[in-house]
């Protein structure tokens, strides 16, 4: 729990110094459901904080680089550092780390010509959590950017 509190404090500092538009969303991943808050996903570099709410409470901070930036689609790759809650996938293991590293890659498609603020996210990521608890997650989501 102390780790989760520490990561939450880092998140508050991160959002207070971010001088960009704000985006919010929800991602339905194979490993968890994430509520997201981040900077403008149309910038070359953007960041995001993700709160896992499905199987467990967890927090993930992600920074990404858009290697494709167009009005109707962005493609990105990034790095994420996360912290699982007290019950990772409903198992208690003394030999496993609560901290994990992810390499997300995905696309943000903005199909509505009337508003480019709303988009659909398709993302996948290998997740490395140590002690052979590595896995691959993927999913879809929605994202809205306040501009």
C-alpha atoms as a PDB file:
ATOM      1  CA  UNK A   1       0.000   0.000   0.000  1.00  0.00           C
ATOM      2  CA  UNK A   2       2.911   2.360   0.682  1.00  0.00           C
ATOM      3  CA  UNK A   3       4.130   1.813  -2.883  1.00  0.00           C
ATOM      4  CA  UNK A   4       0.698   2.697  -4.258  1.00  0.00           C
ATOM      5  CA  UNK A   5       0.613   5.893  -2.183  1.00  0.00           C
ATOM      6  CA  UNK A   6       4.109   6.843  -3.356  1.00  0.00           C
ATOM      7  CA  UNK A   7       3.154   6.273  -6.998  1.00  0.00           C
ATOM      8  CA  UNK A   8      -0.033   8.327  -6.487  1.00  0.00           C
ATOM      9  CA  UNK A   9       2.042  11.240  -5.168  1.00  0.00           C
ATOM     10  CA  UNK A  10       4.284  11.034  -8.219  1.00  0.00           C
ATOM     11  CA  UNK A  11       1.141  11.088 -10.371  1.00  0.00           C
ATOM     12  CA  UNK A  12      -0.096  14.262  -8.679  1.00  0.00           C
ATOM     13  CA  UNK A  13       3.255  15.940  -9.305  1.00  0.00           C
ATOM     14  CA  UNK A  14       3.227  14.739 -12.897  1.00  0.00           C
ATOM     15  CA  UNK A  15      -0.201  16.186 -13.622  1.00  0.00           C
ATOM     16  CA  UNK A  16       0.543  19.493 -11.891  1.00  0.00           C
ATOM     17  CA  UNK A  17       3.611  20.238 -14.059  1.00  0.00           C
ATOM     18  CA  UNK A  18       2.099  19.032 -17.339  1.00  0.00           C
ATOM     19  CA  UNK A  19       1.317  22.108 -19.409  1.00  0.00           C
ATOM     20  CA  UNK A  20      -0.808  20.584 -22.140  1.00  0.00           C
ATOM     21  CA  UNK A  21      -4.354  19.685 -23.043  1.00  0.00           C
ATOM     22  CA  UNK A  22      -5.904  16.947 -20.920  1.00  0.00           C
ATOM     23  CA  UNK A  23      -7.239  13.651 -22.223  1.00  0.00           C
ATOM     24  CA  UNK A  24      -9.369  11.095 -20.398  1.00  0.00           C
ATOM     25  CA  UNK A  25     -10.313   7.594 -21.389  1.00  0.00           C
ATOM     26  CA  UNK A  26     -11.069   4.015 -20.568  1.00  0.00           C
ATOM     27  CA  UNK A  27      -9.067   1.049 -21.871  1.00  0.00           C
ATOM     28  CA  UNK A  28     -10.385  -2.505 -21.810  1.00  0.00           C
ATOM     29  CA  UNK A  29      -7.201  -4.595 -21.705  1.00  0.00           C
ATOM     30  CA  UNK A  30      -6.901  -8.355 -21.376  1.00  0.00           C
ATOM     31  CA  UNK A  31      -5.220  -7.868 -17.995  1.00  0.00           C
ATOM     32  CA  UNK A  32      -7.347  -5.085 -16.480  1.00  0.00           C
ATOM     33  CA  UNK A  33      -9.645  -2.145 -17.137  1.00  0.00           C
ATOM     34  CA  UNK A  34      -7.814   1.181 -16.962  1.00  0.00           C
ATOM     35  CA  UNK A  35      -9.194   4.667 -16.386  1.00  0.00           C
ATOM     36  CA  UNK A  36      -6.741   7.082 -17.994  1.00  0.00           C
ATOM     37  CA  UNK A  37      -5.776  10.735 -17.611  1.00  0.00           C
ATOM     38  CA  UNK A  38      -3.052  12.199 -19.751  1.00  0.00           C
ATOM     39  CA  UNK A  39      -1.604  15.029 -21.755  1.00  0.00           C
ATOM     40  CA  UNK A  40      -2.587  15.828 -25.344  1.00  0.00           C
ATOM     41  CA  UNK A  41      -2.194  12.586 -27.363  1.00  0.00           C
ATOM     42  CA  UNK A  42      -1.691  14.596 -30.565  1.00  0.00           C
ATOM     43  CA  UNK A  43       1.671  15.950 -29.421  1.00  0.00           C
ATOM     44  CA  UNK A  44       4.918  14.283 -30.458  1.00  0.00           C
ATOM     45  CA  UNK A  45       5.533  13.145 -26.861  1.00  0.00           C
ATOM     46  CA  UNK A  46       2.672  12.582 -24.433  1.00  0.00           C
ATOM     47  CA  UNK A  47       2.129  11.012 -21.038  1.00  0.00           C
ATOM     48  CA  UNK A  48      -0.626   9.153 -19.314  1.00  0.00           C
ATOM     49  CA  UNK A  49      -1.543   7.890 -15.855  1.00  0.00           C
ATOM     50  CA  UNK A  50      -3.647   4.751 -15.730  1.00  0.00           C
ATOM     51  CA  UNK A  51      -5.665   3.468 -12.795  1.00  0.00           C
ATOM     52  CA  UNK A  52      -6.414  -0.272 -12.965  1.00  0.00           C
ATOM     53  CA  UNK A  53      -9.888  -0.938 -11.563  1.00  0.00           C
ATOM     54  CA  UNK A  54     -11.012  -4.411 -12.634  1.00  0.00           C
ATOM     55  CA  UNK A  55      -9.179  -7.336 -11.013  1.00  0.00           C
ATOM     56  CA  UNK A  56      -7.142  -5.170  -8.687  1.00  0.00           C
ATOM     57  CA  UNK A  57      -6.345  -1.580  -7.925  1.00  0.00           C
ATOM     58  CA  UNK A  58      -3.104  -0.559  -9.587  1.00  0.00           C
ATOM     59  CA  UNK A  59      -1.416   2.455 -11.083  1.00  0.00           C
ATOM     60  CA  UNK A  60       0.640   2.792 -14.253  1.00  0.00           C
ATOM     61  CA  UNK A  61       2.538   5.807 -15.580  1.00  0.00           C
ATOM     62  CA  UNK A  62       3.231   5.775 -19.310  1.00  0.00           C
ATOM     63  CA  UNK A  63       5.200   8.054 -21.612  1.00  0.00           C
ATOM     64  CA  UNK A  64       4.938   7.661 -25.376  1.00  0.00           C
ATOM     65  CA  UNK A  65       6.243   8.939 -28.688  1.00  0.00           C
ATOM     66  CA  UNK A  66       3.919   9.447 -31.682  1.00  0.00           C
ATOM     67  CA  UNK A  67       5.830   8.266 -34.740  1.00  0.00           C
ATOM     68  CA  UNK A  68       2.735   8.939 -36.903  1.00  0.00           C
ATOM     69  CA  UNK A  69       0.744  12.126 -36.239  1.00  0.00           C
ATOM     70  CA  UNK A  70      -2.162  12.910 -38.556  1.00  0.00           C
ATOM     71  CA  UNK A  71      -5.521  14.539 -37.985  1.00  0.00           C
ATOM     72  CA  UNK A  72      -7.351  11.198 -38.176  1.00  0.00           C
ATOM     73  CA  UNK A  73      -4.797   8.746 -36.702  1.00  0.00           C
ATOM     74  CA  UNK A  74      -1.753   8.619 -34.418  1.00  0.00           C
ATOM     75  CA  UNK A  75       0.574   5.647 -33.962  1.00  0.00           C
ATOM     76  CA  UNK A  76       2.760   5.478 -30.869  1.00  0.00           C
ATOM     77  CA  UNK A  77       5.231   3.446 -28.854  1.00  0.00           C
ATOM     78  CA  UNK A  78       6.044   4.043 -25.231  1.00  0.00           C
ATOM     79  CA  UNK A  79       7.276   2.832 -21.882  1.00  0.00           C
ATOM     80  CA  UNK A  80       5.209   2.289 -18.772  1.00  0.00           C
ATOM     81  CA  UNK A  81       6.007   1.678 -15.138  1.00  0.00           C
ATOM     82  CA  UNK A  82       3.255   0.218 -13.027  1.00  0.00           C
ATOM     83  CA  UNK A  83       2.396  -0.911  -9.558  1.00  0.00           C
ATOM     84  CA  UNK A  84      -0.078  -3.647  -8.800  1.00  0.00           C
ATOM     85  CA  UNK A  85      -2.383  -3.488  -5.809  1.00  0.00           C
ATOM     86  CA  UNK A  86      -2.273  -5.934  -2.921  1.00  0.00           C
ATOM     87  CA  UNK A  87      -3.787  -8.834  -4.875  1.00  0.00           C
ATOM     88  CA  UNK A  88      -2.161  -9.307  -8.297  1.00  0.00           C
ATOM     89  CA  UNK A  89      -4.518 -11.436 -10.412  1.00  0.00           C
ATOM     90  CA  UNK A  90      -6.073 -12.850  -7.228  1.00  0.00           C
ATOM     91  CA  UNK A  91      -2.852 -14.580  -6.171  1.00  0.00           C
ATOM     92  CA  UNK A  92      -0.527 -13.819  -3.295  1.00  0.00           C
ATOM     93  CA  UNK A  93       3.049 -14.679  -4.173  1.00  0.00           C
ATOM     94  CA  UNK A  94       5.912 -13.777  -1.896  1.00  0.00           C
ATOM     95  CA  UNK A  95       8.372 -14.295  -4.754  1.00  0.00           C
ATOM     96  CA  UNK A  96       6.854 -11.841  -7.209  1.00  0.00           C
ATOM     97  CA  UNK A  97       7.401  -8.123  -7.661  1.00  0.00           C
ATOM     98  CA  UNK A  98       4.521  -5.669  -7.444  1.00  0.00           C
ATOM     99  CA  UNK A  99       6.290  -3.327  -9.873  1.00  0.00           C
ATOM    100  CA  UNK A 100       6.184  -4.025 -13.603  1.00  0.00           C
ATOM    101  CA  UNK A 101       7.495  -2.534 -16.848  1.00  0.00           C
ATOM    102  CA  UNK A 102       5.444  -2.370 -20.068  1.00  0.00           C
ATOM    103  CA  UNK A 103       6.201  -1.390 -23.659  1.00  0.00           C
ATOM    104  CA  UNK A 104       2.862  -0.241 -25.101  1.00  0.00           C
ATOM    105  CA  UNK A 105       2.405   0.304 -28.803  1.00  0.00           C
ATOM    106  CA  UNK A 106      -0.831   1.303 -30.424  1.00  0.00           C
ATOM    107  CA  UNK A 107      -2.949   3.566 -32.566  1.00  0.00           C
ATOM    108  CA  UNK A 108      -5.441   6.293 -31.751  1.00  0.00           C
ATOM    109  CA  UNK A 109      -8.039   6.511 -34.520  1.00  0.00           C
ATOM    110  CA  UNK A 110     -10.235   9.626 -34.677  1.00  0.00           C
ATOM    111  CA  UNK A 111     -12.987   8.539 -37.102  1.00  0.00           C
ATOM    112  CA  UNK A 112     -15.475  11.339 -36.496  1.00  0.00           C
ATOM    113  CA  UNK A 113     -14.859  14.275 -38.850  1.00  0.00           C
ATOM    114  CA  UNK A 114     -17.129  16.536 -36.779  1.00  0.00           C
ATOM    115  CA  UNK A 115     -14.942  16.118 -33.690  1.00  0.00           C
ATOM    116  CA  UNK A 116     -11.328  15.023 -33.633  1.00  0.00           C
ATOM    117  CA  UNK A 117     -11.402  15.124 -29.823  1.00  0.00           C
ATOM    118  CA  UNK A 118     -12.950  11.649 -29.536  1.00  0.00           C
ATOM    119  CA  UNK A 119     -10.936   8.621 -30.569  1.00  0.00           C
ATOM    120  CA  UNK A 120     -10.685   4.850 -30.395  1.00  0.00           C
ATOM    121  CA  UNK A 121      -7.496   3.357 -28.961  1.00  0.00           C
ATOM    122  CA  UNK A 122      -6.135  -0.044 -29.987  1.00  0.00           C
ATOM    123  CA  UNK A 123      -3.078  -1.041 -27.959  1.00  0.00           C
ATOM    124  CA  UNK A 124      -0.868  -4.013 -27.148  1.00  0.00           C
ATOM    125  CA  UNK A 125       2.065  -4.330 -24.764  1.00  0.00           C
ATOM    126  CA  UNK A 126       4.485  -6.913 -23.478  1.00  0.00           C
ATOM    127  CA  UNK A 127       4.552  -6.648 -19.679  1.00  0.00           C
ATOM    128  CA  UNK A 128       7.613  -7.648 -17.639  1.00  0.00           C
ATOM    129  CA  UNK A 129       6.934  -8.184 -13.955  1.00  0.00           C
ATOM    130  CA  UNK A 130       9.783 -10.465 -12.903  1.00  0.00           C
ATOM    131  CA  UNK A 131       9.930 -14.015 -11.572  1.00  0.00           C
ATOM    132  CA  UNK A 132       8.422 -15.444 -14.800  1.00  0.00           C
ATOM    133  CA  UNK A 133       5.178 -13.480 -14.420  1.00  0.00           C
ATOM    134  CA  UNK A 134       5.609 -11.816 -17.820  1.00  0.00           C
ATOM    135  CA  UNK A 135       2.675 -11.649 -20.211  1.00  0.00           C
ATOM    136  CA  UNK A 136       1.309  -9.888 -23.292  1.00  0.00           C
ATOM    137  CA  UNK A 137      -1.767  -7.698 -23.021  1.00  0.00           C
ATOM    138  CA  UNK A 138      -3.919  -6.075 -25.643  1.00  0.00           C
ATOM    139  CA  UNK A 139      -7.169  -4.237 -25.852  1.00  0.00           C
ATOM    140  CA  UNK A 140      -9.295  -1.373 -27.056  1.00  0.00           C
ATOM    141  CA  UNK A 141     -10.536   1.818 -25.485  1.00  0.00           C
ATOM    142  CA  UNK A 142     -11.942   5.263 -25.959  1.00  0.00           C
ATOM    143  CA  UNK A 143     -10.225   8.601 -25.386  1.00  0.00           C
ATOM    144  CA  UNK A 144     -11.518  12.154 -25.273  1.00  0.00           C
ATOM    145  CA  UNK A 145      -9.206  15.183 -25.367  1.00  0.00           C
ATOM    146  CA  UNK A 146     -10.367  18.483 -23.889  1.00  0.00           C
ATOM    147  CA  UNK A 147      -9.124  21.285 -26.156  1.00  0.00           C
END
